[in-house]
Amino acid sequence: METEEPVKHDASAIDGIPVTMLVAIAYVTLAFVTDPFSPPPQKLETWGWVTPMLVADGEPWRLLTAAFLHGGIVHLLLNLSALLAIGPALERSIGSLRYAALYVVAAIGGNVAVCFVNHPLSPVVGGSGALFGMLGGLVALNMRSGRHLFSFLDFEGPRRLLSTIAVNLAIGFLLPFISNTAHVGGLVSGFLVTFLFLVPPRRPVDSLRHWRAAVAALFASCVFWSIVPATRWDRCWYEGEATKDPVRRAALLRAAAMAASGAAAADDGDIEAMRHEVIEPIEQQLEEAGRRVPGRR
């Protein structure tokens, strides 16, 4: 009687998936789906750009999908060239699965930073937050590879890496159409996930487990706040509009008016002023642009 040999799953084969190429294909595919030269806002919104307001309105997947969309051919080519310049060597160094985890965490971290800092209506697209996360991962990899954490500074290559990061951050601060918030969020997220989780230290470190738990808890809480920003005016307003409990509705609308104005208290007059001066112009602007109004499906 012939017997079949059990199927063996080769982890090294799984770890050999060309993640850089897959990300590059996703960049190009979504560029052509949305129009590579001048993508209309409606298409970018449909395919997953991130705005803090939409993330809070039940669409948390935008924290990741925005990292595969681009705002035009120049944006696409810049990020695609950076991906192909940085990605392959980093992927070979840490393995495809760790590299994929780095890209995802950095992309989400960058867009979480957007949700904390940017205006709730401000849209962001692009893989640059994740690409900065890869640069942060390279810094962490260099720190883990030396005799001590800063011995990598003895070499020209790592010093050029730090200079590249500094120059690109400076450019982001100077150009208003670049979301440096996503860059910084991605850089920090990529560095931390690589330093603490993806590249272990050469010698056992007693405090590593505690650092991992603390950073993981901080990251999870930041993601949760991006999805449920209980203290931000847009979340309070639209949740108040949706509730049928009159007491809860009044409390939420007052909280929205206070959060929007920065005042210590708000009354019915402040709520009506916010409705006419803030909410109605925003909703009219969104409708005229063909964008979705929060709270409406």
Foldseek 3Di string as FASTA:
>chain_A
DDDDDDDDDDVQVVLPPQVLVVLLVLLVVLCVVQPAAAGAPLSCVVQAWDFLLVLQLPCVVSLQRLASYAGHNVQSVVQNVLSVVQPPVLCVVQTRVLLVVLLRQQSNQLVLLCNVPPDRVDTGHHNLSSSLLSLLLVLLVLLQPDPHRPPSVVDDVVVVSVVVLVVVLVVQVVDVVHDSSSNVRSNVRSNVCNNLPRRDHPDDDPCSVVSVVVVVVVSVVSSVCSNNVPQELSNLQLVLVPDPDVVSNQVSLFSSLCNVVVDPTDDPVSSVCCVVPPVVVVVVVCVVSVHDDRPDD
